[in-house]
N, C-alpha and C. Protein backbone atom coordinates (compact mmCIF):
# COMPACT_ATOMS: atom_id res chain seq x y z
N MET A 1 114.21 182.01 96.14
CA MET A 1 114.71 181.18 94.32
C MET A 1 114.33 182.27 93.31
N LYS A 2 115.24 182.34 92.13
CA LYS A 2 115.32 183.08 91.33
C LYS A 2 114.95 182.78 90.41
N LEU A 3 114.29 183.75 89.43
CA LEU A 3 113.11 183.41 88.23
C LEU A 3 114.22 183.05 87.05
N SER A 4 115.63 183.17 87.00
CA SER A 4 116.65 182.17 86.33
C SER A 4 116.48 180.45 86.73
N ALA A 5 116.20 180.20 88.05
CA ALA A 5 116.06 178.94 88.36
C ALA A 5 115.23 178.61 87.83
N PHE A 6 113.95 178.82 87.33
CA PHE A 6 112.84 179.09 86.96
C PHE A 6 113.17 178.66 85.18
N ARG A 7 113.77 179.11 84.72
CA ARG A 7 114.00 179.22 83.21
C ARG A 7 114.98 178.27 83.22
N GLN A 8 115.91 177.86 83.60
CA GLN A 8 116.91 176.46 83.72
C GLN A 8 116.03 175.45 83.87
N ARG A 9 115.19 174.99 84.99
CA ARG A 9 114.43 174.02 84.69
C ARG A 9 113.20 174.25 84.83
N PRO A 10 112.69 173.93 83.80
CA PRO A 10 111.39 174.02 83.29
C PRO A 10 110.27 173.20 84.21
N GLY A 11 111.33 171.89 84.37
CA GLY A 11 110.13 171.13 85.29
C GLY A 11 109.52 171.97 86.41
N LEU A 12 110.52 172.63 87.18
CA LEU A 12 110.67 173.41 88.22
C LEU A 12 109.31 174.12 88.21
N ALA A 13 109.24 174.96 87.22
CA ALA A 13 108.34 176.17 86.86
C ALA A 13 107.25 175.19 86.20
N ALA A 14 106.81 174.09 85.64
CA ALA A 14 105.55 173.45 85.75
C ALA A 14 105.08 173.20 86.49
N LEU A 15 106.20 172.26 87.74
CA LEU A 15 105.53 171.73 89.11
C LEU A 15 105.03 172.88 89.72
N VAL A 16 105.03 174.42 89.69
CA VAL A 16 105.05 175.46 90.38
C VAL A 16 103.59 175.66 89.67
N GLY A 17 103.43 175.98 88.68
CA GLY A 17 101.99 176.31 87.61
C GLY A 17 101.04 175.09 88.67
N LEU A 18 101.55 174.09 88.41
CA LEU A 18 100.49 172.65 88.70
C LEU A 18 99.90 172.97 90.12
N ALA A 19 100.89 173.32 91.30
CA ALA A 19 100.50 174.11 92.27
C ALA A 19 100.01 174.80 92.47
N ALA A 20 99.89 175.94 91.77
CA ALA A 20 98.93 176.97 91.32
C ALA A 20 97.17 176.74 91.24
N LEU A 21 97.91 175.71 89.90
CA LEU A 21 96.22 174.93 89.33
C LEU A 21 95.40 174.10 90.90
N LEU A 22 96.33 173.90 91.56
CA LEU A 22 95.65 172.76 92.56
C LEU A 22 95.08 174.24 93.97
N GLU A 23 95.79 174.55 94.22
CA GLU A 23 95.45 175.91 94.61
C GLU A 23 93.93 176.51 94.16
N ALA A 24 93.89 177.07 93.12
CA ALA A 24 92.52 177.23 92.53
C ALA A 24 91.59 176.61 92.60
N ALA A 25 91.76 175.56 92.59
CA ALA A 25 91.04 174.11 92.80
C ALA A 25 90.41 174.31 93.67
N PHE A 26 90.91 174.37 95.30
CA PHE A 26 91.12 174.01 96.58
C PHE A 26 89.99 175.91 96.79
N LEU A 27 90.39 176.90 96.63
CA LEU A 27 89.89 178.07 96.22
C LEU A 27 87.86 177.81 95.83
N VAL A 28 88.06 177.53 94.53
CA VAL A 28 86.74 176.97 94.14
C VAL A 28 86.38 176.00 94.88
N LEU A 29 86.38 174.52 95.81
CA LEU A 29 86.28 173.90 96.50
C LEU A 29 85.55 174.55 97.75
N ARG A 30 86.18 175.60 98.31
CA ARG A 30 85.99 176.75 99.21
C ARG A 30 84.87 177.51 99.20
N ARG A 31 84.25 178.12 97.73
CA ARG A 31 83.35 178.46 97.17
C ARG A 31 82.20 177.56 97.05
N LEU A 32 82.66 176.59 96.97
CA LEU A 32 81.36 175.51 96.99
C LEU A 32 80.95 175.14 98.01
N HIS A 33 81.49 175.11 99.30
CA HIS A 33 80.86 174.78 100.50
C HIS A 33 79.32 175.13 100.40
N PRO A 34 78.35 174.71 101.71
CA PRO A 34 78.82 173.54 101.94
C PRO A 34 78.57 172.04 100.90
N TRP A 35 79.55 171.33 101.26
CA TRP A 35 79.86 170.50 100.03
C TRP A 35 78.14 169.61 99.54
N ASP A 36 77.73 169.12 100.70
CA ASP A 36 76.86 167.94 100.68
C ASP A 36 75.61 169.09 99.66
N GLU A 37 75.62 170.15 99.27
CA GLU A 37 74.48 170.80 98.39
C GLU A 37 75.22 171.38 97.56
N ASN A 38 76.60 170.89 96.86
CA ASN A 38 77.07 171.09 95.79
C ASN A 38 77.59 170.43 95.50
N VAL A 39 76.97 168.88 95.35
CA VAL A 39 77.87 167.65 95.29
C VAL A 39 78.35 167.27 93.70
N VAL A 40 77.58 167.95 92.95
CA VAL A 40 78.43 167.74 91.17
C VAL A 40 79.23 168.62 91.03
N GLY A 41 79.21 170.16 91.81
CA GLY A 41 80.40 170.46 91.48
C GLY A 41 81.54 170.19 92.40
N VAL A 42 81.06 169.66 93.59
CA VAL A 42 82.55 169.08 94.04
C VAL A 42 83.30 167.95 93.15
N ILE A 43 82.52 167.36 92.71
CA ILE A 43 82.99 166.21 92.28
C ILE A 43 83.67 166.53 91.13
N ALA A 44 83.46 167.60 90.56
CA ALA A 44 83.76 168.11 89.09
C ALA A 44 85.18 168.76 88.82
N VAL A 45 85.18 169.26 90.43
CA VAL A 45 86.45 170.05 90.93
C VAL A 45 87.65 168.89 91.55
N GLY A 46 87.09 167.89 92.22
CA GLY A 46 87.73 166.94 92.53
C GLY A 46 88.36 166.27 91.20
N LEU A 47 87.61 165.60 91.12
CA LEU A 47 88.10 165.25 89.29
C LEU A 47 89.63 165.47 88.92
N ALA A 48 88.92 166.94 88.48
CA ALA A 48 90.83 168.07 88.05
C ALA A 48 91.47 168.35 88.62
N ALA A 49 90.86 168.09 89.88
CA ALA A 49 92.08 168.39 90.74
C ALA A 49 92.82 167.16 90.97
N SER A 50 92.29 165.98 90.72
CA SER A 50 92.94 165.04 90.76
C SER A 50 93.93 164.59 89.93
N ALA A 51 93.34 165.06 88.67
CA ALA A 51 94.35 164.59 87.39
C ALA A 51 95.86 165.89 87.33
N VAL A 52 95.32 167.10 88.07
CA VAL A 52 96.34 167.91 88.00
C VAL A 52 97.68 167.37 89.23
N TYR A 53 97.03 166.94 90.28
CA TYR A 53 97.67 166.39 91.49
C TYR A 53 98.55 165.37 90.96
N PHE A 54 98.19 164.34 90.13
CA PHE A 54 98.52 163.46 89.48
C PHE A 54 99.86 163.79 88.74
N LEU A 55 99.43 164.99 87.72
CA LEU A 55 100.75 165.25 86.86
C LEU A 55 101.85 166.21 87.31
N ALA A 56 101.72 166.96 88.69
CA ALA A 56 102.21 167.59 89.49
C ALA A 56 103.24 166.19 90.28
N ALA A 57 102.58 165.29 91.30
CA ALA A 57 103.59 164.35 91.27
C ALA A 57 104.61 163.65 90.27
N ARG A 58 103.92 163.31 89.43
CA ARG A 58 104.54 162.85 88.29
C ARG A 58 105.98 163.39 87.92
N LEU A 59 106.18 164.62 87.92
CA LEU A 59 106.89 165.71 87.33
C LEU A 59 107.74 165.80 88.25
N ALA A 60 107.27 165.74 89.96
CA ALA A 60 108.10 166.48 91.03
C ALA A 60 108.82 164.81 90.97
N LEU A 61 109.11 163.44 90.65
CA LEU A 61 109.80 162.27 90.43
C LEU A 61 110.19 162.18 89.31
N ILE A 62 109.81 163.11 88.30
CA ILE A 62 110.82 162.61 87.44
C ILE A 62 111.61 163.81 86.99
N TRP A 63 111.85 164.88 87.63
CA TRP A 63 113.00 165.92 87.65
C TRP A 63 113.70 166.18 88.95
N ARG A 64 114.31 165.05 89.02
CA ARG A 64 115.42 164.83 90.04
C ARG A 64 116.19 165.70 90.53
N GLU A 65 117.21 166.49 89.10
CA GLU A 65 117.79 167.49 89.40
C GLU A 65 117.17 168.49 90.31
N SER A 66 116.13 168.65 90.53
CA SER A 66 115.80 169.69 91.28
C SER A 66 114.83 169.39 92.51
N THR A 67 115.07 168.35 92.96
CA THR A 67 114.31 167.69 93.81
C THR A 67 114.68 168.14 94.95
N PRO A 68 115.47 169.12 95.41
CA PRO A 68 115.56 170.10 96.60
C PRO A 68 114.31 171.50 96.39
N ALA A 69 114.24 172.00 95.40
CA ALA A 69 113.63 173.05 94.90
C ALA A 69 112.11 172.05 95.46
N ALA A 70 112.01 171.19 94.58
CA ALA A 70 110.80 170.33 94.19
C ALA A 70 109.73 170.45 95.77
N LEU A 71 110.51 169.64 96.07
CA LEU A 71 110.53 169.21 97.65
C LEU A 71 109.88 170.91 98.36
N LEU A 72 110.83 171.49 98.38
CA LEU A 72 110.46 173.43 98.44
C LEU A 72 109.00 173.39 98.21
N VAL A 73 108.34 173.15 96.77
CA VAL A 73 107.24 173.69 96.46
C VAL A 73 106.00 172.64 96.95
N VAL A 74 106.67 171.68 96.96
CA VAL A 74 105.10 170.61 97.42
C VAL A 74 104.84 170.80 99.30
N LEU A 75 106.18 171.01 99.57
CA LEU A 75 105.63 171.79 101.15
C LEU A 75 105.47 172.30 101.36
N VAL A 76 105.43 173.96 100.22
CA VAL A 76 104.95 174.79 100.56
C VAL A 76 103.25 174.73 100.24
N ALA A 77 103.20 174.25 99.09
CA ALA A 77 102.04 173.95 98.33
C ALA A 77 100.94 173.04 99.32
N ALA A 78 101.29 172.20 99.91
CA ALA A 78 100.85 171.21 100.89
C ALA A 78 100.45 172.15 102.06
N VAL A 79 101.23 172.91 102.89
CA VAL A 79 100.68 174.09 103.80
C VAL A 79 99.83 174.79 103.17
N ALA A 80 99.86 175.63 101.89
CA ALA A 80 98.53 176.20 101.85
C ALA A 80 97.68 175.43 100.93
N PHE A 81 97.51 174.13 100.96
CA PHE A 81 95.99 173.79 100.75
C PHE A 81 95.34 173.37 101.82
N ARG A 82 96.18 172.86 103.09
CA ARG A 82 95.47 172.80 104.37
C ARG A 82 94.91 174.33 104.76
N ALA A 83 96.03 175.24 104.44
CA ALA A 83 95.45 176.75 104.77
C ALA A 83 94.15 176.87 104.59
N THR A 84 93.96 176.39 103.00
CA THR A 84 92.79 176.99 102.23
C THR A 84 91.77 176.06 103.02
N LEU A 85 91.67 174.77 103.49
CA LEU A 85 90.09 173.78 103.39
C LEU A 85 90.33 174.12 104.89
N PHE A 86 91.24 174.41 106.18
CA PHE A 86 90.88 174.05 107.30
C PHE A 86 90.10 174.93 108.48
N PRO A 87 89.78 175.78 107.75
CA PRO A 87 88.71 177.14 108.33
C PRO A 87 87.05 176.12 108.45
N LEU A 88 86.84 175.43 106.86
CA LEU A 88 85.94 175.08 107.14
C LEU A 88 85.34 173.55 107.81
N PRO A 89 83.78 174.00 108.12
CA PRO A 89 83.59 173.13 108.79
C PRO A 89 83.06 171.59 108.06
N PRO A 90 82.77 170.77 108.65
CA PRO A 90 82.67 169.22 107.98
C PRO A 90 81.53 169.39 107.83
N SER A 91 81.17 169.20 106.19
CA SER A 91 79.98 168.86 105.66
C SER A 91 79.31 167.92 105.44
N LEU A 92 80.40 166.91 104.63
CA LEU A 92 80.03 165.84 104.36
C LEU A 92 79.80 164.49 105.21
N SER A 93 80.21 164.65 106.36
CA SER A 93 80.28 163.74 107.52
C SER A 93 80.29 164.39 108.91
N TYR A 94 79.34 163.65 109.72
CA TYR A 94 79.37 164.87 110.80
C TYR A 94 79.79 163.85 112.26
N ASP A 95 80.64 162.75 111.61
CA ASP A 95 81.51 161.95 112.69
C ASP A 95 82.06 162.50 113.51
N LEU A 96 82.67 163.69 112.98
CA LEU A 96 83.83 164.49 113.92
C LEU A 96 82.75 165.03 115.21
N TYR A 97 81.77 165.33 114.93
CA TYR A 97 81.17 166.02 116.50
C TYR A 97 80.25 164.74 117.40
N ARG A 98 80.07 163.40 116.76
CA ARG A 98 79.85 162.27 117.35
C ARG A 98 81.37 161.68 118.09
N TYR A 99 82.17 161.67 117.44
CA TYR A 99 83.27 161.03 117.79
C TYR A 99 83.67 162.33 119.66
N GLN A 100 83.27 163.77 118.92
CA GLN A 100 83.61 164.28 120.20
C GLN A 100 82.43 163.90 121.51
N TRP A 101 81.22 163.82 120.79
CA TRP A 101 80.10 163.67 122.13
C TRP A 101 80.87 161.84 122.37
N ASP A 102 80.93 160.86 122.19
CA ASP A 102 81.01 160.05 122.06
C ASP A 102 82.58 160.20 123.60
N GLY A 103 83.54 160.77 123.21
CA GLY A 103 84.44 161.38 124.10
C GLY A 103 84.05 161.82 125.45
N ALA A 104 83.67 162.90 125.47
CA ALA A 104 82.63 163.59 126.61
C ALA A 104 81.49 162.40 127.11
N VAL A 105 80.75 161.50 126.39
CA VAL A 105 80.39 160.94 127.40
C VAL A 105 81.33 159.41 128.20
N GLN A 106 82.03 159.11 127.42
CA GLN A 106 83.54 157.86 127.70
C GLN A 106 83.77 158.88 129.28
N LEU A 107 84.34 159.92 129.51
CA LEU A 107 85.21 160.88 130.38
C LEU A 107 84.16 160.95 131.51
N ALA A 108 82.98 160.90 131.00
CA ALA A 108 81.60 161.26 132.29
C ALA A 108 81.53 159.89 132.80
N GLY A 109 82.32 158.62 132.39
CA GLY A 109 82.15 157.40 133.36
C GLY A 109 80.73 156.36 132.64
N HIS A 110 80.41 156.95 131.27
CA HIS A 110 79.12 156.22 131.16
C HIS A 110 79.89 155.19 129.82
């Protein structure tokens, strides 16, 4: 995607900017891990990220003429967001470990 594409479509440039802000929020969340020890900061970042996400979703729906490019921005951003937080272990809920244990017990025949 060329830089001129962003000049011709300011909505697309705004969408990319909002996606960058969301990625910054996820990087802050990563630094705040473990989240159960930084609840106030996590809530603040989560609220700010929710507002940015709402604006980004609204922009993606409004600028229909840039839908293919907007879809690409959304998909790349989604992968980046997942990659940012994927390596972190769970800290707000330990149900994942309980489910693994329950599955092992069930496989053992109990």
